Amino acid sequence: MKSSNLVLMTVAIVAVGILAMPSTISLFAGQHTWYNISGDHELPCRKCHAEVFHELENSAFHKWNGYNWSENPEGSPDNSACYGCHRANASITYANVGNSVTDVKPGTKAHAASTVACMLCHQFNASGAVNPLNGKSMPGYAAGGFSQPANSPYNYTNGTANPGGHAAHQTFIQSAINDTTMEDANEACIACHTHIPVKINWTHRFSLEFNVTPESGYWPPTHFNVTDWSFNGTYKITVYGGRNGTSDDTGAKTQPPGWPGAWPGQNESS
């Protein structure tokens, strides 16, 4: 009889333990102390985004390290480097706490940060890019040279002053805008301007063809007419662009040794 009571008691204890276990496991040291974000206090962006912080440390640009927004390649970036892009859209109200913990402004289209188009700052007349601390305009240098692409809200041309029309990468920009993976043409911007590796499956024309006939009245024939320009066939090739700016044309869809290579301060060639 006593042994059966002991078994029942053991089962009861185990059952209670199973019910209580999730509550116990969910307790972590520090989870009941909160950061002060009123006044000049801020959340530490780098706490969760250490890899981005590390990249900025090894970059000569976009690494603002002080709220005068000056570039200092020798310094270490702080939250201003994050805010300068991800809280700089004048059309978005971000959540914010004033000098008092009761002075709270909830976010509307974004809470702490928003995804941002490179052209927010690098379009012409970039009034939509603002210093998130004082609301003043904070435009970057305009990209320029492109025709105004379809379906983009950003000013690529500055009216008739910079109309484009000869940019080799115009369709690259347009295809990036049409794709919804990133904002506006960001895919094209970072493919060219950052250390991100690229793998490109090219389809090239195989040959250039044309007809050549001699002009009458010349002997021996020294003047020719060239007509019927055309292209014949295609061939495919895969190019692997590394982080260090080099590339390898393998002719096959197998990555070359060492790709994608290293970006400054970090080796990720494995």
C-alpha atoms as a PDB file:
ATOM      1  CA  MET A   1       0.000   0.000   0.000  1.00  0.00           C
ATOM      2  CA  LYS A   2       2.780   2.373   0.943  1.00  0.00           C
ATOM      3  CA  SER A   3       4.684   1.566  -2.234  1.00  0.00           C
ATOM      4  CA  SER A   4       1.656   2.418  -4.373  1.00  0.00           C
ATOM      5  CA  ASN A   5       1.274   5.753  -2.550  1.00  0.00           C
ATOM      6  CA  LEU A   6       4.946   6.442  -3.193  1.00  0.00           C
ATOM      7  CA  VAL A   7       4.475   5.754  -6.899  1.00  0.00           C
ATOM      8  CA  LEU A   8       1.453   8.062  -7.065  1.00  0.00           C
ATOM      9  CA  MET A   9       3.349  10.786  -5.215  1.00  0.00           C
ATOM     10  CA  THR A  10       6.287  10.446  -7.625  1.00  0.00           C
ATOM     11  CA  VAL A  11       3.987  10.714 -10.620  1.00  0.00           C
ATOM     12  CA  ALA A  12       2.336  13.810  -9.106  1.00  0.00           C
ATOM     13  CA  ILE A  13       5.708  15.493  -8.505  1.00  0.00           C
ATOM     14  CA  VAL A  14       6.855  14.766 -12.036  1.00  0.00           C
ATOM     15  CA  ALA A  15       3.580  16.147 -13.449  1.00  0.00           C
ATOM     16  CA  VAL A  16       3.937  19.350 -11.439  1.00  0.00           C
ATOM     17  CA  GLY A  17       7.548  19.638 -12.581  1.00  0.00           C
ATOM     18  CA  ILE A  18       6.558  19.313 -16.225  1.00  0.00           C
ATOM     19  CA  LEU A  19       3.955  22.058 -15.834  1.00  0.00           C
ATOM     20  CA  ALA A  20       6.348  24.368 -13.972  1.00  0.00           C
ATOM     21  CA  MET A  21       9.382  23.721 -16.198  1.00  0.00           C
ATOM     22  CA  PRO A  22       8.483  26.122 -19.074  1.00  0.00           C
ATOM     23  CA  SER A  23       8.083  29.005 -16.655  1.00  0.00           C
ATOM     24  CA  THR A  24      11.437  28.228 -15.073  1.00  0.00           C
ATOM     25  CA  ILE A  25      13.270  27.866 -18.371  1.00  0.00           C
ATOM     26  CA  SER A  26      11.824  31.127 -19.710  1.00  0.00           C
ATOM     27  CA  LEU A  27      13.608  33.107 -16.999  1.00  0.00           C
ATOM     28  CA  PHE A  28      16.907  34.630 -18.126  1.00  0.00           C
ATOM     29  CA  ALA A  29      19.319  36.825 -16.249  1.00  0.00           C
ATOM     30  CA  GLY A  30      18.732  40.441 -17.202  1.00  0.00           C
ATOM     31  CA  GLN A  31      15.335  40.024 -18.809  1.00  0.00           C
ATOM     32  CA  HIS A  32      13.639  42.158 -16.187  1.00  0.00           C
ATOM     33  CA  THR A  33      15.901  45.195 -16.483  1.00  0.00           C
ATOM     34  CA  TRP A  34      15.116  47.604 -19.299  1.00  0.00           C
ATOM     35  CA  TYR A  35      17.253  50.096 -21.178  1.00  0.00           C
ATOM     36  CA  ASN A  36      16.565  53.751 -20.527  1.00  0.00           C
ATOM     37  CA  ILE A  37      15.722  55.270 -23.914  1.00  0.00           C
ATOM     38  CA  SER A  38      14.533  58.695 -22.792  1.00  0.00           C
ATOM     39  CA  GLY A  39      16.413  61.874 -23.613  1.00  0.00           C
ATOM     40  CA  ASP A  40      19.857  61.155 -25.044  1.00  0.00           C
ATOM     41  CA  HIS A  41      19.759  57.482 -24.106  1.00  0.00           C
ATOM     42  CA  GLU A  42      19.472  54.918 -26.891  1.00  0.00           C
ATOM     43  CA  LEU A  43      19.157  51.224 -27.477  1.00  0.00           C
ATOM     44  CA  PRO A  44      22.471  49.610 -28.490  1.00  0.00           C
ATOM     45  CA  CYS A  45      21.906  48.651 -32.130  1.00  0.00           C
ATOM     46  CA  ARG A  46      25.165  46.699 -32.209  1.00  0.00           C
ATOM     47  CA  LYS A  47      23.918  44.315 -29.521  1.00  0.00           C
ATOM     48  CA  CYS A  48      21.952  42.345 -32.125  1.00  0.00           C
ATOM     49  CA  HIS A  49      23.622  43.601 -35.302  1.00  0.00           C
ATOM     50  CA  ALA A  50      27.255  42.976 -34.438  1.00  0.00           C
ATOM     51  CA  GLU A  51      28.109  41.776 -37.939  1.00  0.00           C
ATOM     52  CA  VAL A  52      26.783  44.996 -39.471  1.00  0.00           C
ATOM     53  CA  PHE A  53      28.694  47.042 -36.901  1.00  0.00           C
ATOM     54  CA  HIS A  54      31.851  45.112 -37.779  1.00  0.00           C
ATOM     55  CA  GLU A  55      31.369  45.805 -41.478  1.00  0.00           C
ATOM     56  CA  LEU A  56      30.933  49.520 -40.778  1.00  0.00           C
ATOM     57  CA  GLU A  57      34.097  49.501 -38.689  1.00  0.00           C
ATOM     58  CA  ASN A  58      35.957  48.353 -41.797  1.00  0.00           C
ATOM     59  CA  SER A  59      34.265  50.794 -44.152  1.00  0.00           C
ATOM     60  CA  ALA A  60      35.401  54.263 -45.122  1.00  0.00           C
ATOM     61  CA  PHE A  61      31.835  55.440 -45.750  1.00  0.00           C
ATOM     62  CA  HIS A  62      28.491  55.524 -43.958  1.00  0.00           C
ATOM     63  CA  LYS A  63      30.262  55.066 -40.635  1.00  0.00           C
ATOM     64  CA  TRP A  64      29.163  58.246 -38.893  1.00  0.00           C
ATOM     65  CA  ASN A  65      30.616  58.235 -35.419  1.00  0.00           C
ATOM     66  CA  GLY A  66      29.036  61.253 -33.860  1.00  0.00           C
ATOM     67  CA  TYR A  67      25.918  63.281 -34.378  1.00  0.00           C
ATOM     68  CA  ASN A  68      27.671  65.907 -36.432  1.00  0.00           C
ATOM     69  CA  TRP A  69      27.279  63.257 -39.188  1.00  0.00           C
ATOM     70  CA  SER A  70      30.868  63.633 -40.337  1.00  0.00           C
ATOM     71  CA  GLU A  71      32.698  60.690 -41.882  1.00  0.00           C
ATOM     72  CA  ASN A  72      35.706  59.624 -39.857  1.00  0.00           C
ATOM     73  CA  PRO A  73      37.393  56.514 -41.260  1.00  0.00           C
ATOM     74  CA  GLU A  74      39.624  56.317 -38.204  1.00  0.00           C
ATOM     75  CA  GLY A  75      36.801  56.325 -35.698  1.00  0.00           C
ATOM     76  CA  SER A  76      34.366  53.689 -34.563  1.00  0.00           C
ATOM     77  CA  PRO A  77      30.715  53.946 -35.650  1.00  0.00           C
ATOM     78  CA  ASP A  78      27.955  54.290 -33.118  1.00  0.00           C
ATOM     79  CA  ASN A  79      24.172  54.418 -33.253  1.00  0.00           C
ATOM     80  CA  SER A  80      24.348  57.502 -35.454  1.00  0.00           C
ATOM     81  CA  ALA A  81      25.627  55.285 -38.272  1.00  0.00           C
ATOM     82  CA  CYS A  82      22.491  53.173 -37.912  1.00  0.00           C
ATOM     83  CA  TYR A  83      20.089  56.085 -37.468  1.00  0.00           C
ATOM     84  CA  GLY A  84      21.600  57.973 -40.414  1.00  0.00           C
ATOM     85  CA  CYS A  85      20.041  55.446 -42.794  1.00  0.00           C
ATOM     86  CA  HIS A  86      17.385  53.505 -40.945  1.00  0.00           C
ATOM     87  CA  ARG A  87      15.599  56.361 -39.150  1.00  0.00           C
ATOM     88  CA  ALA A  88      16.089  59.027 -41.814  1.00  0.00           C
ATOM     89  CA  ASN A  89      12.949  58.743 -43.926  1.00  0.00           C
ATOM     90  CA  ALA A  90      10.966  61.960 -43.494  1.00  0.00           C
ATOM     91  CA  SER A  91       7.740  60.243 -44.562  1.00  0.00           C
ATOM     92  CA  ILE A  92       7.933  57.756 -41.678  1.00  0.00           C
ATOM     93  CA  THR A  93       7.151  58.416 -38.038  1.00  0.00           C
ATOM     94  CA  TYR A  94       9.374  56.247 -35.868  1.00  0.00           C
ATOM     95  CA  ALA A  95       8.660  55.365 -32.256  1.00  0.00           C
ATOM     96  CA  ASN A  96      10.434  57.802 -29.975  1.00  0.00           C
ATOM     97  CA  VAL A  97      10.749  58.721 -26.299  1.00  0.00           C
ATOM     98  CA  GLY A  98      11.365  62.337 -25.347  1.00  0.00           C
ATOM     99  CA  ASN A  99      13.061  63.735 -22.264  1.00  0.00           C
ATOM    100  CA  SER A 100      10.479  62.097 -20.019  1.00  0.00           C
ATOM    101  CA  VAL A 101       9.504  58.423 -19.977  1.00  0.00           C
ATOM    102  CA  THR A 102       5.903  59.592 -20.333  1.00  0.00           C
ATOM    103  CA  ASP A 103       6.737  61.626 -23.458  1.00  0.00           C
ATOM    104  CA  VAL A 104       6.161  58.772 -25.882  1.00  0.00           C
ATOM    105  CA  LYS A 105       5.483  58.965 -29.618  1.00  0.00           C
ATOM    106  CA  PRO A 106       4.394  55.640 -31.129  1.00  0.00           C
ATOM    107  CA  GLY A 107       5.665  54.592 -34.517  1.00  0.00           C
ATOM    108  CA  THR A 108       3.285  54.669 -37.488  1.00  0.00           C
ATOM    109  CA  LYS A 109       4.880  53.038 -40.543  1.00  0.00           C
ATOM    110  CA  ALA A 110       7.882  51.731 -38.582  1.00  0.00           C
ATOM    111  CA  HIS A 111       8.912  51.161 -34.970  1.00  0.00           C
ATOM    112  CA  ALA A 112      12.676  51.301 -34.340  1.00  0.00           C
ATOM    113  CA  ALA A 113      13.960  51.297 -37.911  1.00  0.00           C
ATOM    114  CA  SER A 114      12.883  51.007 -41.531  1.00  0.00           C
ATOM    115  CA  THR A 115      14.328  49.453 -44.638  1.00  0.00           C
ATOM    116  CA  VAL A 116      15.741  52.215 -46.773  1.00  0.00           C
ATOM    117  CA  ALA A 117      16.342  52.789 -50.470  1.00  0.00           C
ATOM    118  CA  CYS A 118      19.824  54.014 -51.352  1.00  0.00           C
ATOM    119  CA  MET A 119      18.138  56.619 -53.563  1.00  0.00           C
ATOM    120  CA  LEU A 120      16.365  58.162 -50.566  1.00  0.00           C
ATOM    121  CA  CYS A 121      19.624  60.020 -49.943  1.00  0.00           C
ATOM    122  CA  HIS A 122      21.307  59.688 -53.353  1.00  0.00           C
ATOM    123  CA  GLN A 123      18.546  61.095 -55.545  1.00  0.00           C
ATOM    124  CA  PHE A 124      18.524  64.686 -56.714  1.00  0.00           C
ATOM    125  CA  ASN A 125      16.932  67.135 -54.257  1.00  0.00           C
ATOM    126  CA  ALA A 126      16.819  64.497 -51.530  1.00  0.00           C
ATOM    127  CA  SER A 127      14.582  66.427 -49.149  1.00  0.00           C
ATOM    128  CA  GLY A 128      13.023  63.173 -47.966  1.00  0.00           C
ATOM    129  CA  ALA A 129      16.256  62.228 -46.169  1.00  0.00           C
ATOM    130  CA  VAL A 130      16.517  63.959 -42.805  1.00  0.00           C
ATOM    131  CA  ASN A 131      18.748  63.986 -39.772  1.00  0.00           C
ATOM    132  CA  PRO A 132      16.622  61.943 -37.342  1.00  0.00           C
ATOM    133  CA  LEU A 133      17.667  64.103 -34.403  1.00  0.00           C
ATOM    134  CA  ASN A 134      16.789  67.552 -35.678  1.00  0.00           C
ATOM    135  CA  GLY A 135      14.610  66.864 -38.730  1.00  0.00           C
ATOM    136  CA  LYS A 136      16.850  68.910 -41.031  1.00  0.00           C
ATOM    137  CA  SER A 137      17.511  67.782 -44.580  1.00  0.00           C
ATOM    138  CA  MET A 138      20.477  65.440 -44.865  1.00  0.00           C
ATOM    139  CA  PRO A 139      20.934  64.574 -48.569  1.00  0.00           C
ATOM    140  CA  GLY A 140      23.797  62.486 -49.860  1.00  0.00           C
ATOM    141  CA  TYR A 141      25.604  63.012 -53.137  1.00  0.00           C
ATOM    142  CA  ALA A 142      23.288  62.403 -56.093  1.00  0.00           C
ATOM    143  CA  ALA A 143      23.993  59.338 -58.221  1.00  0.00           C
ATOM    144  CA  GLY A 144      23.000  60.823 -61.587  1.00  0.00           C
ATOM    145  CA  GLY A 145      23.485  59.526 -65.111  1.00  0.00           C
ATOM    146  CA  PHE A 146      20.379  57.343 -65.330  1.00  0.00           C
ATOM    147  CA  SER A 147      17.148  57.967 -67.163  1.00  0.00           C
ATOM    148  CA  GLN A 148      14.143  58.137 -64.883  1.00  0.00           C
ATOM    149  CA  PRO A 149      13.170  54.472 -64.359  1.00  0.00           C
ATOM    150  CA  ALA A 150       9.573  53.347 -64.226  1.00  0.00           C
ATOM    151  CA  ASN A 151       7.882  52.631 -60.904  1.00  0.00           C
ATOM    152  CA  SER A 152      10.381  54.516 -58.766  1.00  0.00           C
ATOM    153  CA  PRO A 153       9.362  57.436 -56.544  1.00  0.00           C
ATOM    154  CA  TYR A 154      12.909  58.830 -56.506  1.00  0.00           C
ATOM    155  CA  ASN A 155      14.383  61.613 -58.639  1.00  0.00           C
ATOM    156  CA  TYR A 156      17.045  60.038 -60.846  1.00  0.00           C
ATOM    157  CA  THR A 157      17.318  62.823 -63.453  1.00  0.00           C
ATOM    158  CA  ASN A 158      16.982  66.276 -61.876  1.00  0.00           C
ATOM    159  CA  GLY A 159      14.496  67.232 -64.573  1.00  0.00           C
ATOM    160  CA  THR A 160      16.341  67.823 -67.859  1.00  0.00           C
ATOM    161  CA  ALA A 161      19.686  68.620 -66.238  1.00  0.00           C
ATOM    162  CA  ASN A 162      20.835  65.001 -65.899  1.00  0.00           C
ATOM    163  CA  PRO A 163      18.645  63.052 -68.320  1.00  0.00           C
ATOM    164  CA  GLY A 164      20.769  59.929 -68.682  1.00  0.00           C
ATOM    165  CA  GLY A 165      20.154  57.926 -71.822  1.00  0.00           C
ATOM    166  CA  HIS A 166      23.565  56.304 -72.167  1.00  0.00           C
ATOM    167  CA  ALA A 167      23.951  54.443 -68.872  1.00  0.00           C
ATOM    168  CA  ALA A 168      25.153  50.883 -69.487  1.00  0.00           C
ATOM    169  CA  HIS A 169      23.429  49.762 -66.304  1.00  0.00           C
ATOM    170  CA  GLN A 170      20.013  51.313 -66.970  1.00  0.00           C
ATOM    171  CA  THR A 171      18.260  47.948 -67.396  1.00  0.00           C
ATOM    172  CA  PHE A 172      20.129  46.652 -64.356  1.00  0.00           C
ATOM    173  CA  ILE A 173      18.610  49.476 -62.317  1.00  0.00           C
ATOM    174  CA  GLN A 174      15.150  48.921 -63.788  1.00  0.00           C
ATOM    175  CA  SER A 175      15.183  45.162 -63.142  1.00  0.00           C
ATOM    176  CA  ALA A 176      16.225  45.780 -59.536  1.00  0.00           C
ATOM    177  CA  ILE A 177      13.323  48.190 -59.091  1.00  0.00           C
ATOM    178  CA  ASN A 178      10.927  45.655 -60.580  1.00  0.00           C
ATOM    179  CA  ASP A 179      12.141  42.998 -58.139  1.00  0.00           C
ATOM    180  CA  THR A 180      10.630  43.224 -54.660  1.00  0.00           C
ATOM    181  CA  THR A 181      13.493  41.619 -52.726  1.00  0.00           C
ATOM    182  CA  MET A 182      14.854  45.001 -51.631  1.00  0.00           C
ATOM    183  CA  GLU A 183      13.813  48.636 -51.751  1.00  0.00           C
ATOM    184  CA  ASP A 184      13.881  50.435 -55.122  1.00  0.00           C
ATOM    185  CA  ALA A 185      17.163  49.635 -56.963  1.00  0.00           C
ATOM    186  CA  ASN A 186      19.096  48.494 -53.882  1.00  0.00           C
ATOM    187  CA  GLU A 187      19.972  45.107 -55.366  1.00  0.00           C
ATOM    188  CA  ALA A 188      21.877  46.840 -58.172  1.00  0.00           C
ATOM    189  CA  CYS A 189      23.431  49.431 -55.863  1.00  0.00           C
ATOM    190  CA  ILE A 190      24.932  46.935 -53.428  1.00  0.00           C
ATOM    191  CA  ALA A 191      25.969  44.505 -56.187  1.00  0.00           C
ATOM    192  CA  CYS A 192      28.312  47.158 -57.573  1.00  0.00           C
ATOM    193  CA  HIS A 193      29.214  49.332 -54.614  1.00  0.00           C
ATOM    194  CA  THR A 194      29.747  46.893 -51.736  1.00  0.00           C
ATOM    195  CA  HIS A 195      31.877  43.849 -50.953  1.00  0.00           C
ATOM    196  CA  ILE A 196      28.951  41.448 -51.380  1.00  0.00           C
ATOM    197  CA  PRO A 197      29.958  38.538 -53.641  1.00  0.00           C
ATOM    198  CA  VAL A 198      27.981  37.960 -56.817  1.00  0.00           C
ATOM    199  CA  LYS A 199      27.289  34.953 -59.000  1.00  0.00           C
ATOM    200  CA  ILE A 200      26.101  35.924 -62.484  1.00  0.00           C
ATOM    201  CA  ASN A 201      24.715  33.513 -65.048  1.00  0.00           C
ATOM    202  CA  TRP A 202      25.429  35.326 -68.310  1.00  0.00           C
ATOM    203  CA  THR A 203      23.819  34.597 -71.671  1.00  0.00           C
ATOM    204  CA  HIS A 204      26.059  36.125 -74.340  1.00  0.00           C
ATOM    205  CA  ARG A 205      25.705  36.345 -78.097  1.00  0.00           C
ATOM    206  CA  PHE A 206      27.950  33.835 -79.810  1.00  0.00           C
ATOM    207  CA  SER A 207      29.013  35.866 -82.818  1.00  0.00           C
ATOM    208  CA  LEU A 208      28.507  39.129 -84.663  1.00  0.00           C
ATOM    209  CA  GLU A 209      27.581  38.735 -88.335  1.00  0.00           C
ATOM    210  CA  PHE A 210      27.348  41.176 -91.259  1.00  0.00           C
ATOM    211  CA  ASN A 211      27.639  41.300 -95.039  1.00  0.00           C
ATOM    212  CA  VAL A 212      30.441  43.115 -96.835  1.00  0.00           C
ATOM    213  CA  THR A 213      30.251  44.029-100.527  1.00  0.00           C
ATOM    214  CA  PRO A 214      32.696  46.137-102.536  1.00  0.00           C
ATOM    215  CA  GLU A 215      31.620  49.509-103.865  1.00  0.00           C
ATOM    216  CA  SER A 216      31.601  49.851-107.624  1.00  0.00           C
ATOM    217  CA  GLY A 217      34.137  52.073-109.306  1.00  0.00           C
ATOM    218  CA  TYR A 218      37.138  51.061-107.213  1.00  0.00           C
ATOM    219  CA  TRP A 219      39.770  48.655-108.454  1.00  0.00           C
ATOM    220  CA  PRO A 220      41.309  46.948-106.710  1.00  0.00           C
ATOM    221  CA  PRO A 221      38.410  47.052-104.254  1.00  0.00           C
ATOM    222  CA  THR A 222      39.287  49.377-101.405  1.00  0.00           C
ATOM    223  CA  HIS A 223      35.850  50.643-100.415  1.00  0.00           C
ATOM    224  CA  PHE A 224      33.188  48.379 -98.980  1.00  0.00           C
ATOM    225  CA  ASN A 225      29.575  48.582 -97.929  1.00  0.00           C
ATOM    226  CA  VAL A 226      28.644  46.800 -94.699  1.00  0.00           C
ATOM    227  CA  THR A 227      25.017  45.738 -94.259  1.00  0.00           C
ATOM    228  CA  ASP A 228      22.737  43.347 -92.438  1.00  0.00           C
ATOM    229  CA  TRP A 229      24.240  43.470 -88.990  1.00  0.00           C
ATOM    230  CA  SER A 230      23.026  40.567 -86.878  1.00  0.00           C
ATOM    231  CA  PHE A 231      23.900  38.256 -84.011  1.00  0.00           C
ATOM    232  CA  ASN A 232      24.176  34.521 -84.246  1.00  0.00           C
ATOM    233  CA  GLY A 233      23.475  32.087 -81.429  1.00  0.00           C
ATOM    234  CA  THR A 234      24.091  32.332 -77.707  1.00  0.00           C
ATOM    235  CA  TYR A 235      26.301  30.725 -75.103  1.00  0.00           C
ATOM    236  CA  LYS A 236      26.042  30.658 -71.346  1.00  0.00           C
ATOM    237  CA  ILE A 237      28.762  31.286 -68.825  1.00  0.00           C
ATOM    238  CA  THR A 238      28.854  31.777 -65.066  1.00  0.00           C
ATOM    239  CA  VAL A 239      30.979  34.470 -63.483  1.00  0.00           C
ATOM    240  CA  TYR A 240      31.820  34.513 -59.782  1.00  0.00           C
ATOM    241  CA  GLY A 241      32.637  37.963 -58.446  1.00  0.00           C
ATOM    242  CA  GLY A 242      34.506  37.945 -55.148  1.00  0.00           C
ATOM    243  CA  ARG A 243      34.362  40.347 -52.232  1.00  0.00           C
ATOM    244  CA  ASN A 244      37.801  41.699 -53.073  1.00  0.00           C
ATOM    245  CA  GLY A 245      36.623  42.830 -56.527  1.00  0.00           C
ATOM    246  CA  THR A 246      38.223  40.022 -58.524  1.00  0.00           C
ATOM    247  CA  SER A 247      36.270  37.550 -60.632  1.00  0.00           C
ATOM    248  CA  ASP A 248      36.612  34.050 -62.007  1.00  0.00           C
ATOM    249  CA  ASP A 249      35.094  32.919 -65.282  1.00  0.00           C
ATOM    250  CA  THR A 250      34.771  29.170 -64.799  1.00  0.00           C
ATOM    251  CA  GLY A 251      32.595  28.314 -67.768  1.00  0.00           C
ATOM    252  CA  ALA A 252      30.671  26.030 -65.453  1.00  0.00           C
ATOM    253  CA  LYS A 253      28.276  26.369 -62.553  1.00  0.00           C
ATOM    254  CA  THR A 254      30.786  25.246 -59.956  1.00  0.00           C
ATOM    255  CA  GLN A 255      32.335  27.910 -57.789  1.00  0.00           C
ATOM    256  CA  PRO A 256      36.101  28.413 -58.053  1.00  0.00           C
ATOM    257  CA  PRO A 257      38.447  27.738 -55.114  1.00  0.00           C
ATOM    258  CA  GLY A 258      38.494  30.540 -52.570  1.00  0.00           C
ATOM    259  CA  TRP A 259      35.216  32.130 -53.664  1.00  0.00           C
ATOM    260  CA  PRO A 260      33.706  34.384 -52.333  1.00  0.00           C
ATOM    261  CA  GLY A 261      36.978  35.624 -50.884  1.00  0.00           C
ATOM    262  CA  ALA A 262      37.441  38.093 -48.062  1.00  0.00           C
ATOM    263  CA  TRP A 263      36.036  41.485 -47.281  1.00  0.00           C
ATOM    264  CA  PRO A 264      38.111  43.898 -45.179  1.00  0.00           C
ATOM    265  CA  GLY A 265      38.626  42.610 -41.663  1.00  0.00           C
ATOM    266  CA  GLN A 266      36.987  39.257 -42.228  1.00  0.00           C
ATOM    267  CA  ASN A 267      37.838  36.064 -44.095  1.00  0.00           C
ATOM    268  CA  GLU A 268      34.848  34.047 -45.255  1.00  0.00           C
ATOM    269  CA  SER A 269      36.438  32.052 -48.032  1.00  0.00           C
ATOM    270  CA  SER A 270      35.297  28.705 -46.654  1.00  0.00           C
END
